[in-house]
Amino acid sequence: MFKALRFFGWPLLAGVLIAMLIIQRYPQWVGLPSLDVNLQQAPKTSFMQQGPVTYADAVTRAAPAVANLYTTKVVNKNAKPLFEDPQFRHYFGNNAPKQKRMESSLGSAVIMSPEGYLLTNNHVTMGADQIVVALKDGRETLARVIGSDPETDLAVLKIDLKKLPAITIGRSDTLRIGDVALAIGNPFGVGQTTTMGIISATGRNQLGLNNYEDFIQTDAAINPGNSGGALVDANGNLTGINTAIFSKSGGSQGIGFAIPINLAMEVMKSIIEHGQVIRGWLGIEVQPLTPDLAESFGLSGRPGIVVAGIFRDGPAQKAGLQLGDVILSIDGVPASDGRRSMNQVARIKPSDEVSILVMRNGKETKLTAEIGLRPPQEQPPQKED
């Protein structure tokens, strides 16, 4: 019997193995579903674009136009720590003797023109009594504030020096995720520093930093002191003004934000020409059209934003907009996002007219509104509840 097993065993085992291989390779032959997966392999001779070995040329072109800022302001503080004690202030009030102290902060700025106009962040210069600009070539001078725009966190400065190295302006609307980004500034006051990364994202908003947000996100190291500095591309062209970091420790964690240069240039030109940023304004507050709201309005699948507040005597009220109206489009542009729609209005020249398509009580209504001038942020108008 053992001889029979030895005689027939090996051919039987070989047959089983061959059958298993055939079933694995061609499962459809025995009625099993095919397990083939179509994978796309790169060709053996695929072309890979090689970046430059160094970005020194880009830095050489851009760095002279990035200045270090040193701001100072006088603050009144209590002469002794005891006067800060809540119990002391409860009994003696705020009549404790004060002493004046100088507080200083650091930042950066970008020389935008040979005439001496600089761009920086509003939070860098806000409240400063003195702004010292230190150029890369060693020159120092005092700067004056031409104007600022808290809603985009930008400020325009002016210095009076000759032969200023102005930066070359690039375009932020053509940036792609993955493009090389260089951040130039004065982190922690150590002096001009360049860091490198890539464009991590574009169009970042709803971060709660500014009213008008359209940030470039980058992982190029941005630290305190980099604010107001330059974000440049691989050729040394200015693409953004560094403005903020996301950090739990106070240092760079690879998430930095810059204001796109296209937006910054619009703000700068308006400040130089008018002393302020001229923005269109409808005088409304809006909220998103949630799926539940859309269903209640009979607008499932259609874009829209809900009017949640109307400013008294504002352009929207004069045009006939009402609380609860659903704005479907503004000048033919679908109103799918409240922030984007309000930014669209902000770019319209005051006194120009726009058509607004709204849904009210289940019926579409077309209104015409004359765009007004947006009031300053620090003086909001009275609003209807």
Protein backbone atom coordinates (compact mmCIF):
# COMPACT_ATOMS: atom_id res chain seq x y z
CA MET A 1 0.00 0.00 0.00
CA PHE A 2 2.86 2.33 0.85
CA LYS A 3 4.37 1.57 -2.54
CA ALA A 4 1.06 2.54 -4.19
CA LEU A 5 0.97 5.84 -2.25
CA ARG A 6 4.54 6.57 -3.24
CA PHE A 7 3.71 5.72 -6.85
CA PHE A 8 0.50 7.80 -7.09
CA GLY A 9 1.14 10.45 -4.35
CA TRP A 10 3.60 12.69 -6.14
CA PRO A 11 1.60 12.97 -9.39
CA LEU A 12 -1.54 13.67 -7.34
CA LEU A 13 0.15 16.39 -5.30
CA ALA A 14 1.63 17.93 -8.46
CA GLY A 15 -1.82 17.93 -10.08
CA VAL A 16 -3.38 19.68 -7.08
CA LEU A 17 -0.68 22.36 -7.10
CA ILE A 18 -1.09 22.94 -10.83
CA ALA A 19 -4.88 23.21 -10.41
CA MET A 20 -4.46 25.78 -7.62
CA LEU A 21 -2.12 27.85 -9.79
CA ILE A 22 -4.57 27.75 -12.71
CA ILE A 23 -7.50 28.78 -10.46
CA GLN A 24 -5.44 31.63 -9.00
CA ARG A 25 -4.37 32.85 -12.44
CA TYR A 26 -7.65 32.26 -14.30
CA PRO A 27 -10.47 32.18 -11.69
CA GLN A 28 -13.08 32.91 -14.36
CA TRP A 29 -12.41 29.42 -15.83
CA VAL A 30 -14.09 27.84 -12.83
CA GLY A 31 -16.78 30.50 -12.38
CA LEU A 32 -14.98 32.61 -9.74
CA PRO A 33 -14.78 36.40 -10.06
CA SER A 34 -11.58 37.76 -11.53
CA LEU A 35 -9.22 39.41 -9.03
CA ASP A 36 -7.25 41.33 -11.65
CA VAL A 37 -6.61 44.99 -10.73
CA ASN A 38 -5.61 47.44 -13.42
CA LEU A 39 -2.66 49.39 -12.05
CA GLN A 40 -1.01 52.22 -13.91
CA GLN A 41 2.75 51.88 -13.90
CA ALA A 42 5.11 54.68 -14.77
CA PRO A 43 7.09 54.08 -17.96
CA LYS A 44 10.69 53.06 -17.51
CA THR A 45 11.87 56.23 -19.25
CA SER A 46 9.50 58.65 -17.46
CA PHE A 47 10.60 62.29 -17.52
CA MET A 48 10.95 64.02 -14.15
CA GLN A 49 11.43 67.77 -14.04
CA GLN A 50 14.43 68.56 -11.90
CA GLY A 51 14.45 71.65 -9.70
CA PRO A 52 17.49 73.88 -9.40
CA VAL A 53 20.29 72.85 -7.09
CA THR A 54 20.05 76.24 -5.36
CA TYR A 55 17.58 79.09 -4.96
CA ALA A 56 20.32 81.59 -4.25
CA ASP A 57 19.53 83.61 -7.38
CA ALA A 58 15.91 84.03 -6.30
CA VAL A 59 16.96 85.12 -2.81
CA THR A 60 19.57 87.50 -4.25
CA ARG A 61 16.86 89.21 -6.30
CA ALA A 62 14.24 89.40 -3.56
CA ALA A 63 16.10 89.78 -0.27
CA PRO A 64 17.32 93.40 -0.70
CA ALA A 65 13.67 94.51 -0.96
CA VAL A 66 12.71 92.94 2.38
CA ALA A 67 13.31 95.23 5.36
CA ASN A 68 13.33 94.62 9.11
CA LEU A 69 10.88 96.64 11.20
CA TYR A 70 11.36 97.74 14.79
CA THR A 71 8.35 99.47 16.29
CA THR A 72 8.11 101.18 19.67
CA LYS A 73 5.23 102.63 21.65
CA VAL A 74 4.87 104.26 25.04
CA VAL A 75 2.55 102.52 27.51
CA ASN A 76 1.48 103.48 31.01
CA LYS A 77 1.99 100.80 33.62
CA ASN A 78 1.65 100.74 37.38
CA ALA A 79 4.89 101.59 39.12
CA LYS A 80 4.78 98.54 41.42
CA PRO A 81 3.33 95.04 41.03
CA LEU A 82 1.26 95.57 44.20
CA PHE A 83 -0.88 98.09 42.32
CA GLU A 84 -1.92 95.33 39.90
CA ASP A 85 -3.44 93.28 42.72
CA PRO A 86 -7.25 93.04 42.31
CA GLN A 87 -7.84 93.59 46.04
CA PHE A 88 -5.75 96.75 45.99
CA ARG A 89 -7.60 98.05 42.94
CA HIS A 90 -10.94 97.16 44.58
CA TYR A 91 -10.28 99.50 47.52
CA PHE A 92 -8.12 102.15 45.89
CA GLY A 93 -9.38 102.14 42.30
CA ASN A 94 -7.14 102.91 39.34
CA ASN A 95 -5.53 105.97 40.88
CA ALA A 96 -2.21 104.27 41.55
CA PRO A 97 0.85 106.11 40.24
CA LYS A 98 1.78 105.19 36.68
CA GLN A 99 5.10 105.11 34.95
CA LYS A 100 5.75 105.26 31.24
CA ARG A 101 7.56 102.38 29.60
CA MET A 102 8.69 101.71 26.08
CA GLU A 103 7.48 98.54 24.44
CA SER A 104 9.07 97.32 21.24
CA SER A 105 8.06 94.69 18.71
CA LEU A 106 9.57 93.13 15.63
CA GLY A 107 8.33 92.59 12.13
CA SER A 108 9.17 92.80 8.46
CA ALA A 109 8.13 94.83 5.43
CA VAL A 110 8.50 94.65 1.66
CA ILE A 111 9.72 97.57 -0.47
CA MET A 112 7.12 97.74 -3.22
CA SER A 113 8.36 100.72 -5.26
CA PRO A 114 11.49 102.85 -5.71
CA GLU A 115 9.43 105.80 -4.40
CA GLY A 116 9.57 104.28 -0.94
CA TYR A 117 6.20 102.59 -0.43
CA LEU A 118 6.32 99.51 1.78
CA LEU A 119 3.75 96.82 2.57
CA THR A 120 3.53 95.18 5.97
CA ASN A 121 0.91 93.86 8.39
CA ASN A 122 -1.42 96.16 10.24
CA HIS A 123 -0.86 94.25 13.49
CA VAL A 124 2.87 94.99 13.24
CA THR A 125 2.46 98.78 13.13
CA MET A 126 -0.83 99.23 15.01
CA GLY A 127 -0.44 101.73 17.85
CA ALA A 128 3.26 102.27 17.21
CA ASP A 129 4.71 105.67 18.08
CA GLN A 130 7.85 105.05 16.06
CA ILE A 131 8.67 102.67 13.21
CA VAL A 132 12.32 102.05 12.34
CA VAL A 133 13.03 100.45 8.97
CA ALA A 134 16.36 98.65 8.61
CA LEU A 135 17.39 97.76 5.06
CA LYS A 136 19.57 94.83 4.09
CA ASP A 137 22.28 97.23 2.86
CA GLY A 138 22.65 98.61 6.39
CA ARG A 139 20.66 101.83 6.03
CA GLU A 140 18.07 102.75 8.66
CA THR A 141 15.31 105.34 8.62
CA LEU A 142 11.98 106.20 10.19
CA ALA A 143 8.77 105.30 8.37
CA ARG A 144 5.36 106.94 8.46
CA VAL A 145 2.06 105.14 8.06
CA ILE A 146 0.19 106.15 4.91
CA GLY A 147 -2.84 104.06 5.80
CA SER A 148 -3.94 100.70 7.10
CA ASP A 149 -6.68 98.17 6.52
CA PRO A 150 -7.50 96.05 9.59
CA GLU A 151 -9.94 93.96 7.57
CA THR A 152 -7.08 92.43 5.56
CA ASP A 153 -4.37 93.13 8.17
CA LEU A 154 -2.33 95.25 5.77
CA ALA A 155 -0.60 98.60 6.22
CA VAL A 156 1.23 100.88 3.79
CA LEU A 157 4.36 102.70 4.96
CA LYS A 158 6.49 105.40 3.32
CA ILE A 159 10.20 106.03 3.70
CA ASP A 160 12.36 108.71 2.10
CA LEU A 161 15.56 107.11 0.86
CA LYS A 162 17.16 107.05 -2.55
CA LYS A 163 18.03 104.05 -4.70
CA LEU A 164 15.62 101.72 -3.00
CA PRO A 165 15.58 98.10 -4.23
CA ALA A 166 11.93 97.41 -5.10
CA ILE A 167 10.79 93.80 -5.31
CA THR A 168 9.47 92.22 -8.51
CA ILE A 169 5.74 91.56 -8.30
CA GLY A 170 4.55 88.08 -9.18
CA ARG A 171 1.02 86.65 -9.46
CA SER A 172 -0.80 84.80 -6.73
CA ASP A 173 -3.70 83.65 -8.91
CA THR A 174 -1.47 81.25 -10.83
CA LEU A 175 0.05 79.53 -7.80
CA ARG A 176 -0.31 75.78 -7.67
CA ILE A 177 -0.18 73.46 -4.70
CA GLY A 178 3.33 72.07 -4.67
CA ASP A 179 5.05 75.19 -6.04
CA VAL A 180 8.24 76.15 -4.24
CA ALA A 181 7.82 79.01 -1.75
CA LEU A 182 10.50 81.08 -0.01
CA ALA A 183 9.69 83.13 3.10
CA ILE A 184 11.98 86.08 3.80
CA GLY A 185 11.74 88.07 7.02
CA ASN A 186 13.17 88.85 10.44
CA PRO A 187 12.12 85.97 12.74
CA PHE A 188 12.69 86.59 16.44
CA GLY A 189 14.81 89.61 15.54
CA VAL A 190 17.83 87.51 14.57
CA GLY A 191 18.14 89.34 11.25
CA GLN A 192 17.01 88.64 7.73
CA THR A 193 16.35 84.94 7.24
CA THR A 194 15.12 82.85 4.31
CA THR A 195 13.20 79.59 4.70
CA MET A 196 11.93 77.26 2.01
CA GLY A 197 8.84 75.13 1.57
CA ILE A 198 5.99 74.61 -0.84
CA ILE A 199 2.53 76.05 -1.38
CA SER A 200 0.41 73.78 0.80
CA ALA A 201 -3.00 75.23 -0.11
CA THR A 202 -4.64 78.32 -1.60
CA GLY A 203 -7.89 80.11 -0.86
CA ARG A 204 -7.84 79.38 2.86
CA ASN A 205 -10.62 81.24 4.68
CA GLN A 206 -12.89 81.02 7.72
CA LEU A 207 -9.83 81.04 9.97
CA GLY A 208 -11.11 83.93 12.05
CA LEU A 209 -8.02 86.05 11.41
CA ASN A 210 -9.45 88.77 9.15
CA ASN A 211 -12.79 89.80 7.69
CA TYR A 212 -11.46 89.28 4.16
CA GLU A 213 -9.55 86.00 4.05
CA ASP A 214 -8.07 84.35 0.99
CA PHE A 215 -4.82 83.04 2.42
CA ILE A 216 -1.98 81.16 0.80
CA GLN A 217 -0.90 78.33 3.09
CA THR A 218 2.74 77.29 3.11
CA ASP A 219 5.02 75.05 5.12
CA ALA A 220 7.98 77.42 4.68
CA ALA A 221 8.97 78.20 8.28
CA ILE A 222 7.27 81.42 9.44
CA ASN A 223 7.93 82.61 12.99
CA PRO A 224 7.19 85.72 15.08
CA GLY A 225 8.97 88.59 13.34
CA ASN A 226 8.24 87.21 9.87
CA SER A 227 4.92 89.09 9.82
CA GLY A 228 4.86 91.56 6.95
CA GLY A 229 7.71 89.81 5.16
CA ALA A 230 7.78 88.41 1.65
CA LEU A 231 6.62 85.09 0.30
CA VAL A 232 8.34 84.67 -3.07
CA ASP A 233 8.40 82.04 -5.77
CA ALA A 234 11.38 80.11 -7.10
CA ASN A 235 12.29 83.07 -9.32
CA GLY A 236 12.24 85.64 -6.52
CA ASN A 237 8.90 87.23 -7.48
CA LEU A 238 6.62 88.40 -4.67
CA THR A 239 3.50 86.23 -4.34
CA GLY A 240 2.31 87.04 -0.82
CA ILE A 241 2.76 88.98 2.41
CA ASN A 242 3.42 86.64 5.35
CA THR A 243 0.89 87.35 8.06
CA ALA A 244 0.17 84.51 10.50
CA ILE A 245 1.10 81.07 11.75
CA PHE A 246 -0.89 78.23 13.24
CA SER A 247 1.02 77.12 16.31
CA LYS A 248 0.43 75.71 19.76
CA SER A 249 3.96 76.49 20.90
CA GLY A 250 4.52 79.94 19.39
CA GLY A 251 6.99 78.59 16.84
CA SER A 252 6.66 77.32 13.31
CA GLN A 253 4.81 74.02 12.93
CA GLY A 254 4.64 73.99 9.16
CA ILE A 255 1.36 75.88 8.81
CA GLY A 256 1.84 79.51 7.83
CA PHE A 257 -0.43 81.93 6.01
CA ALA A 258 0.27 84.75 3.57
CA ILE A 259 -1.99 87.37 2.01
CA PRO A 260 -2.01 86.90 -1.80
CA ILE A 261 -0.16 89.68 -3.59
CA ASN A 262 -3.10 90.30 -5.95
CA LEU A 263 -5.26 91.26 -2.96
CA ALA A 264 -2.43 93.15 -1.26
CA MET A 265 -1.81 95.26 -4.37
CA GLU A 266 -5.48 96.25 -4.59
CA VAL A 267 -5.40 97.35 -0.95
CA MET A 268 -2.12 99.26 -1.35
CA LYS A 269 -3.26 101.15 -4.44
CA SER A 270 -6.54 102.13 -2.79
CA ILE A 271 -4.79 103.37 0.35
CA ILE A 272 -2.28 105.42 -1.62
CA GLU A 273 -4.97 106.92 -3.84
CA HIS A 274 -7.82 107.41 -1.37
CA GLY A 275 -6.24 107.10 2.07
CA GLN A 276 -8.44 104.08 2.74
CA VAL A 277 -9.69 100.94 1.05
CA ILE A 278 -12.82 101.60 -1.00
CA ARG A 279 -15.14 98.61 -0.74
CA GLY A 280 -18.64 98.01 -1.94
CA TRP A 281 -21.27 97.26 0.68
CA LEU A 282 -24.80 95.93 0.72
CA GLY A 283 -25.48 96.25 4.43
CA ILE A 284 -26.53 92.69 5.15
CA GLU A 285 -25.42 89.75 7.22
CA VAL A 286 -25.86 86.30 5.74
CA GLN A 287 -25.76 82.72 6.89
CA PRO A 288 -25.30 79.48 4.96
CA LEU A 289 -28.25 77.71 3.41
CA THR A 290 -28.16 74.42 5.32
CA PRO A 291 -29.82 71.31 3.90
CA ASP A 292 -32.68 71.67 6.42
CA LEU A 293 -33.24 75.32 5.48
CA ALA A 294 -33.00 74.50 1.79
CA GLU A 295 -35.68 71.83 2.18
CA SER A 296 -37.94 74.21 4.10
CA PHE A 297 -37.55 76.82 1.36
CA GLY A 298 -38.05 74.26 -1.38
CA LEU A 299 -34.53 74.84 -2.69
CA SER A 300 -32.98 71.39 -2.41
CA GLY A 301 -29.99 71.20 -4.72
CA ARG A 302 -29.87 74.94 -5.44
CA PRO A 303 -27.17 77.28 -4.08
CA GLY A 304 -28.11 80.23 -1.93
CA ILE A 305 -27.40 82.28 1.20
CA VAL A 306 -29.95 83.43 3.78
CA VAL A 307 -30.29 87.10 4.78
CA ALA A 308 -29.88 87.01 8.57
CA GLY A 309 -29.52 90.74 9.26
CA ILE A 310 -30.13 94.03 7.49
CA PHE A 311 -28.44 97.32 8.38
CA ARG A 312 -30.87 100.16 8.84
CA ASP A 313 -30.95 102.60 5.92
CA GLY A 314 -28.35 100.50 4.10
CA PRO A 315 -28.35 99.68 0.39
CA ALA A 316 -30.06 96.32 0.93
CA GLN A 317 -32.95 97.79 2.90
CA LYS A 318 -33.44 100.52 0.32
CA ALA A 319 -33.49 97.88 -2.41
CA GLY A 320 -36.26 95.96 -0.65
CA LEU A 321 -34.36 92.98 0.75
CA GLN A 322 -36.02 91.39 3.78
CA LEU A 323 -34.96 89.13 6.61
CA GLY A 324 -35.28 85.50 5.59
CA ASP A 325 -34.81 86.17 1.88
CA VAL A 326 -32.62 83.60 0.17
CA ILE A 327 -30.16 85.22 -2.21
CA LEU A 328 -29.73 82.94 -5.22
CA SER A 329 -27.35 85.08 -7.26
CA ILE A 330 -25.70 88.50 -7.42
CA ASP A 331 -25.20 89.93 -10.90
CA GLY A 332 -25.74 86.47 -12.30
CA VAL A 333 -23.07 84.83 -10.11
CA PRO A 334 -24.56 81.99 -8.00
CA ALA A 335 -24.48 82.81 -4.28
CA SER A 336 -23.20 79.46 -3.06
CA ASP A 337 -20.95 80.84 -0.31
CA GLY A 338 -21.63 83.87 1.87
CA ARG A 339 -18.02 84.95 2.24
CA ARG A 340 -17.37 84.67 -1.48
CA SER A 341 -20.52 86.63 -2.30
CA MET A 342 -19.65 89.42 0.13
CA ASN A 343 -16.15 89.59 -1.34
CA GLN A 344 -17.78 89.89 -4.76
CA VAL A 345 -19.81 92.86 -3.48
CA ALA A 346 -16.72 94.40 -1.89
CA ARG A 347 -15.00 94.54 -5.28
CA ILE A 348 -17.88 96.49 -6.83
CA LYS A 349 -17.49 100.25 -7.01
CA PRO A 350 -19.81 102.17 -4.69
CA SER A 351 -22.78 103.78 -6.51
CA ASP A 352 -22.80 100.97 -9.11
CA GLU A 353 -25.98 98.93 -9.37
CA VAL A 354 -26.26 95.17 -9.03
CA SER A 355 -29.12 92.77 -9.68
CA ILE A 356 -30.00 90.39 -6.87
CA LEU A 357 -32.12 87.31 -7.45
CA VAL A 358 -33.88 86.21 -4.23
CA MET A 359 -36.36 83.53 -3.23
CA ARG A 360 -39.16 84.90 -1.06
CA ASN A 361 -42.24 82.93 -0.01
CA GLY A 362 -41.52 80.32 -2.66
CA LYS A 363 -41.27 82.84 -5.50
CA GLU A 364 -38.21 84.23 -7.25
CA THR A 365 -37.90 88.00 -7.10
CA LYS A 366 -35.35 90.18 -8.86
CA LEU A 367 -34.18 93.30 -7.03
CA THR A 368 -31.77 96.07 -7.96
CA ALA A 369 -29.50 97.59 -5.32
CA GLU A 370 -27.12 100.54 -5.48
CA ILE A 371 -23.86 99.51 -3.84
CA GLY A 372 -22.78 101.71 -0.94
CA LEU A 373 -19.41 102.47 0.64
CA ARG A 374 -18.50 100.05 3.42
CA PRO A 375 -18.24 101.92 6.75
CA PRO A 376 -14.99 101.69 8.75
CA GLN A 377 -14.70 98.51 10.76
CA GLU A 378 -14.35 100.34 14.06
CA GLN A 379 -17.63 102.23 13.55
CA PRO A 380 -20.33 99.68 12.70
CA PRO A 381 -23.73 101.14 11.86
CA GLN A 382 -26.85 100.41 13.83
CA LYS A 383 -28.36 97.15 12.72
CA GLU A 384 -31.90 95.82 12.67
CA ASP A 385 -32.49 92.72 14.77
